[in-house]
Amino acid sequence: MINKKEVEHIAKLARLKLSAQEIKAMEKELSSVLEHFKFLNKLDVSKIKPTSHLVSLKNVMREDEARKHSEEKVERLLKAMPQREGRYLKVKSVF
């Protein structure tokens, strides 16, 4: 069972200010969580293979590679841009 002193310590580490009523409630709730872990520790998982994800996923993104475009296409895109400086596009600052 978690006591008041331990709850206060955990709250301090998490930078939480808890009232006396909240501390009392957390004693019960955290103790309940630890009881669940005690139950899980009793389970035999020796025959279960470790997994990181139940569904086998594969990265489906393509390689990022530069492509050559015709000079005409580049000029057309540059002209469509509202603000530019030479061949650079001017956009609003991100930061």
N, C-alpha and C. Protein backbone atom coordinates (compact mmCIF):
# COMPACT_ATOMS: atom_id res chain seq x y z
N MET A 1 0.85 -1.19 0.00
CA MET A 1 0.00 0.00 0.00
C MET A 1 0.89 1.25 0.00
N ILE A 2 0.53 2.18 -0.82
CA ILE A 2 1.27 3.45 -0.92
C ILE A 2 0.82 4.37 0.22
N ASN A 3 1.76 5.02 0.86
CA ASN A 3 1.39 5.91 1.97
C ASN A 3 1.44 7.37 1.53
N LYS A 4 1.04 8.24 2.44
CA LYS A 4 0.95 9.68 2.17
C LYS A 4 2.31 10.25 1.76
N LYS A 5 3.36 9.84 2.46
CA LYS A 5 4.70 10.36 2.20
C LYS A 5 5.14 10.01 0.76
N GLU A 6 4.85 8.78 0.32
CA GLU A 6 5.21 8.36 -1.05
C GLU A 6 4.41 9.14 -2.10
N VAL A 7 3.14 9.37 -1.82
CA VAL A 7 2.31 10.14 -2.76
C VAL A 7 2.85 11.56 -2.87
N GLU A 8 3.20 12.16 -1.75
CA GLU A 8 3.77 13.52 -1.76
C GLU A 8 5.07 13.55 -2.55
N HIS A 9 5.90 12.53 -2.39
CA HIS A 9 7.17 12.46 -3.13
C HIS A 9 6.91 12.35 -4.64
N ILE A 10 5.99 11.48 -5.03
CA ILE A 10 5.65 11.31 -6.46
C ILE A 10 5.09 12.62 -7.02
N ALA A 11 4.23 13.28 -6.24
CA ALA A 11 3.66 14.55 -6.67
C ALA A 11 4.75 15.61 -6.86
N LYS A 12 5.72 15.61 -5.96
CA LYS A 12 6.83 16.57 -6.08
C LYS A 12 7.64 16.30 -7.35
N LEU A 13 7.91 15.02 -7.62
CA LEU A 13 8.67 14.67 -8.83
C LEU A 13 7.91 15.08 -10.09
N ALA A 14 6.58 14.95 -10.04
CA ALA A 14 5.75 15.30 -11.19
C ALA A 14 5.39 16.79 -11.20
N ARG A 15 5.89 17.50 -10.19
CA ARG A 15 5.62 18.94 -10.04
C ARG A 15 4.12 19.23 -9.99
N LEU A 16 3.44 18.45 -9.16
CA LEU A 16 2.01 18.61 -8.96
C LEU A 16 1.75 19.09 -7.54
N LYS A 17 0.81 19.99 -7.39
CA LYS A 17 0.37 20.41 -6.06
C LYS A 17 -0.94 19.69 -5.80
N LEU A 18 -0.94 18.87 -4.78
CA LEU A 18 -2.14 18.11 -4.44
C LEU A 18 -2.68 18.56 -3.09
N SER A 19 -3.99 18.65 -2.99
CA SER A 19 -4.61 18.97 -1.70
C SER A 19 -4.58 17.72 -0.84
N ALA A 20 -4.92 17.88 0.42
CA ALA A 20 -4.94 16.74 1.35
C ALA A 20 -5.95 15.69 0.86
N GLN A 21 -7.07 16.16 0.34
CA GLN A 21 -8.09 15.25 -0.17
C GLN A 21 -7.58 14.48 -1.40
N GLU A 22 -6.87 15.17 -2.28
CA GLU A 22 -6.31 14.52 -3.48
C GLU A 22 -5.23 13.51 -3.10
N ILE A 23 -4.44 13.83 -2.11
CA ILE A 23 -3.40 12.90 -1.65
C ILE A 23 -4.03 11.62 -1.13
N LYS A 24 -5.10 11.77 -0.36
CA LYS A 24 -5.80 10.60 0.19
C LYS A 24 -6.35 9.75 -0.96
N ALA A 25 -6.93 10.39 -1.98
CA ALA A 25 -7.49 9.66 -3.13
C ALA A 25 -6.37 8.96 -3.91
N MET A 26 -5.23 9.64 -4.06
CA MET A 26 -4.11 9.06 -4.81
C MET A 26 -3.51 7.86 -4.08
N GLU A 27 -3.54 7.88 -2.76
CA GLU A 27 -3.05 6.72 -2.00
C GLU A 27 -3.81 5.47 -2.43
N LYS A 28 -5.14 5.59 -2.49
CA LYS A 28 -5.98 4.45 -2.86
C LYS A 28 -5.79 4.07 -4.33
N GLU A 29 -5.77 5.08 -5.22
CA GLU A 29 -5.66 4.79 -6.65
C GLU A 29 -4.32 4.19 -7.03
N LEU A 30 -3.24 4.74 -6.51
CA LEU A 30 -1.91 4.21 -6.83
C LEU A 30 -1.72 2.81 -6.23
N SER A 31 -2.27 2.61 -5.06
CA SER A 31 -2.20 1.27 -4.46
C SER A 31 -2.95 0.26 -5.33
N SER A 32 -4.08 0.68 -5.87
CA SER A 32 -4.86 -0.19 -6.75
C SER A 32 -4.08 -0.54 -8.01
N VAL A 33 -3.38 0.43 -8.56
CA VAL A 33 -2.56 0.18 -9.76
C VAL A 33 -1.47 -0.83 -9.44
N LEU A 34 -0.82 -0.67 -8.31
CA LEU A 34 0.24 -1.60 -7.93
C LEU A 34 -0.30 -3.01 -7.70
N GLU A 35 -1.52 -3.12 -7.20
CA GLU A 35 -2.15 -4.44 -7.04
C GLU A 35 -2.33 -5.11 -8.39
N HIS A 36 -2.68 -4.33 -9.42
CA HIS A 36 -2.82 -4.89 -10.77
C HIS A 36 -1.47 -5.41 -11.27
N PHE A 37 -0.41 -4.69 -10.97
CA PHE A 37 0.92 -5.14 -11.40
C PHE A 37 1.32 -6.43 -10.68
N LYS A 38 0.95 -6.57 -9.42
CA LYS A 38 1.23 -7.80 -8.70
C LYS A 38 0.55 -8.98 -9.39
N PHE A 39 -0.69 -8.76 -9.84
CA PHE A 39 -1.43 -9.80 -10.55
C PHE A 39 -0.72 -10.13 -11.86
N LEU A 40 -0.29 -9.12 -12.60
CA LEU A 40 0.38 -9.35 -13.89
C LEU A 40 1.70 -10.08 -13.70
N ASN A 41 2.40 -9.81 -12.61
CA ASN A 41 3.67 -10.50 -12.35
C ASN A 41 3.50 -12.00 -12.13
N LYS A 42 2.31 -12.41 -11.73
CA LYS A 42 2.04 -13.83 -11.48
C LYS A 42 1.80 -14.61 -12.78
N LEU A 43 1.49 -13.91 -13.87
CA LEU A 43 1.19 -14.58 -15.13
C LEU A 43 2.43 -15.19 -15.75
N ASP A 44 2.28 -16.38 -16.34
CA ASP A 44 3.39 -17.05 -17.02
C ASP A 44 3.40 -16.60 -18.48
N VAL A 45 4.37 -15.82 -18.85
CA VAL A 45 4.49 -15.32 -20.22
C VAL A 45 5.73 -15.88 -20.92
N SER A 46 6.27 -16.94 -20.37
CA SER A 46 7.51 -17.50 -20.91
C SER A 46 7.35 -18.04 -22.33
N LYS A 47 6.14 -18.46 -22.70
CA LYS A 47 5.93 -19.04 -24.03
C LYS A 47 5.40 -18.02 -25.05
N ILE A 48 5.30 -16.78 -24.63
CA ILE A 48 4.79 -15.73 -25.52
C ILE A 48 5.97 -15.00 -26.14
N LYS A 49 5.96 -14.92 -27.47
CA LYS A 49 7.04 -14.23 -28.18
C LYS A 49 6.88 -12.72 -28.01
N PRO A 50 7.98 -12.03 -27.76
CA PRO A 50 7.90 -10.57 -27.64
C PRO A 50 7.56 -9.94 -28.99
N THR A 51 6.73 -8.92 -28.95
CA THR A 51 6.35 -8.20 -30.17
C THR A 51 6.43 -6.71 -29.91
N SER A 52 6.63 -5.97 -30.96
CA SER A 52 6.59 -4.53 -30.82
C SER A 52 5.28 -4.00 -31.37
N HIS A 53 4.62 -4.78 -32.23
CA HIS A 53 3.35 -4.38 -32.81
C HIS A 53 2.63 -5.63 -33.28
N LEU A 54 1.34 -5.67 -33.10
CA LEU A 54 0.58 -6.85 -33.50
C LEU A 54 0.43 -6.98 -35.01
N VAL A 55 0.43 -5.85 -35.71
CA VAL A 55 0.26 -5.85 -37.15
C VAL A 55 1.63 -5.59 -37.78
N SER A 56 2.02 -6.45 -38.71
CA SER A 56 3.33 -6.22 -39.33
C SER A 56 3.20 -5.07 -40.32
N LEU A 57 3.87 -4.01 -40.01
CA LEU A 57 3.83 -2.81 -40.85
C LEU A 57 5.17 -2.63 -41.54
N LYS A 58 5.11 -2.04 -42.70
CA LYS A 58 6.31 -1.77 -43.46
C LYS A 58 6.28 -0.31 -43.87
N ASN A 59 7.40 0.34 -43.84
CA ASN A 59 7.47 1.73 -44.26
C ASN A 59 7.15 1.80 -45.75
N VAL A 60 6.08 2.51 -46.09
CA VAL A 60 5.63 2.56 -47.48
C VAL A 60 6.02 3.86 -48.17
N MET A 61 6.89 4.63 -47.55
CA MET A 61 7.30 5.90 -48.15
C MET A 61 8.36 5.65 -49.22
N ARG A 62 8.31 6.47 -50.24
CA ARG A 62 9.30 6.35 -51.31
C ARG A 62 10.58 7.09 -50.92
N GLU A 63 11.64 6.79 -51.60
CA GLU A 63 12.90 7.49 -51.39
C GLU A 63 12.75 8.94 -51.81
N ASP A 64 13.39 9.82 -51.09
CA ASP A 64 13.37 11.24 -51.43
C ASP A 64 14.52 11.49 -52.39
N GLU A 65 14.20 11.71 -53.64
CA GLU A 65 15.25 11.92 -54.62
C GLU A 65 14.92 13.13 -55.50
N ALA A 66 15.95 13.86 -55.87
CA ALA A 66 15.78 15.04 -56.71
C ALA A 66 15.43 14.62 -58.13
N ARG A 67 14.58 15.42 -58.76
CA ARG A 67 14.19 15.13 -60.15
C ARG A 67 14.50 16.35 -61.01
N LYS A 68 14.90 16.13 -62.20
CA LYS A 68 15.14 17.22 -63.15
C LYS A 68 13.81 17.61 -63.79
N HIS A 69 13.58 18.92 -63.87
CA HIS A 69 12.38 19.43 -64.53
C HIS A 69 12.83 20.40 -65.61
N SER A 70 12.00 20.53 -66.60
CA SER A 70 12.35 21.44 -67.70
C SER A 70 12.41 22.87 -67.19
N GLU A 71 13.28 23.64 -67.79
CA GLU A 71 13.45 25.05 -67.40
C GLU A 71 12.14 25.81 -67.57
N GLU A 72 11.39 25.45 -68.59
CA GLU A 72 10.09 26.11 -68.85
C GLU A 72 9.12 25.89 -67.68
N LYS A 73 9.07 24.68 -67.18
CA LYS A 73 8.19 24.36 -66.06
C LYS A 73 8.61 25.12 -64.80
N VAL A 74 9.92 25.19 -64.55
CA VAL A 74 10.43 25.90 -63.38
C VAL A 74 10.08 27.37 -63.47
N GLU A 75 10.27 27.99 -64.62
CA GLU A 75 9.94 29.41 -64.81
C GLU A 75 8.46 29.66 -64.61
N ARG A 76 7.63 28.76 -65.09
CA ARG A 76 6.18 28.90 -64.94
C ARG A 76 5.79 28.86 -63.46
N LEU A 77 6.40 27.96 -62.71
CA LEU A 77 6.12 27.88 -61.28
C LEU A 77 6.63 29.12 -60.53
N LEU A 78 7.81 29.61 -60.92
CA LEU A 78 8.35 30.82 -60.27
C LEU A 78 7.46 32.03 -60.53
N LYS A 79 6.94 32.14 -61.74
CA LYS A 79 6.06 33.28 -62.07
C LYS A 79 4.75 33.21 -61.29
N ALA A 80 4.30 32.02 -60.94
CA ALA A 80 3.05 31.86 -60.21
C ALA A 80 3.19 32.22 -58.73
N MET A 81 4.41 32.31 -58.25
CA MET A 81 4.64 32.61 -56.84
C MET A 81 4.45 34.09 -56.59
N PRO A 82 3.66 34.47 -55.56
CA PRO A 82 3.40 35.90 -55.33
C PRO A 82 4.64 36.70 -54.92
N GLN A 83 5.55 36.09 -54.15
CA GLN A 83 6.77 36.81 -53.76
C GLN A 83 7.97 35.92 -54.01
N ARG A 84 8.99 36.50 -54.58
CA ARG A 84 10.22 35.76 -54.80
C ARG A 84 11.39 36.73 -54.88
N GLU A 85 12.55 36.17 -54.75
CA GLU A 85 13.77 36.95 -54.86
C GLU A 85 14.70 36.14 -55.74
N GLY A 86 14.84 36.55 -56.99
CA GLY A 86 15.60 35.77 -57.95
C GLY A 86 14.90 34.45 -58.20
N ARG A 87 15.62 33.35 -58.01
CA ARG A 87 15.02 32.04 -58.20
C ARG A 87 14.59 31.41 -56.86
N TYR A 88 14.55 32.23 -55.78
CA TYR A 88 14.13 31.75 -54.47
C TYR A 88 12.71 32.22 -54.17
N LEU A 89 11.95 31.37 -53.54
CA LEU A 89 10.58 31.71 -53.16
C LEU A 89 10.58 32.33 -51.78
N LYS A 90 9.82 33.43 -51.61
CA LYS A 90 9.74 34.07 -50.30
C LYS A 90 8.45 33.62 -49.64
N VAL A 91 8.58 33.12 -48.41
CA VAL A 91 7.42 32.67 -47.65
C VAL A 91 7.47 33.31 -46.26
N LYS A 92 6.34 33.21 -45.54
CA LYS A 92 6.31 33.76 -44.19
C LYS A 92 7.23 32.96 -43.28
N SER A 93 7.77 33.65 -42.29
CA SER A 93 8.66 33.02 -41.33
C SER A 93 7.91 31.95 -40.54
N VAL A 94 8.58 30.85 -40.26
CA VAL A 94 7.97 29.76 -39.52
C VAL A 94 8.07 30.01 -38.03
N PHE A 95 9.17 30.58 -37.58
CA PHE A 95 9.38 30.81 -36.15
C PHE A 95 9.04 32.21 -35.76
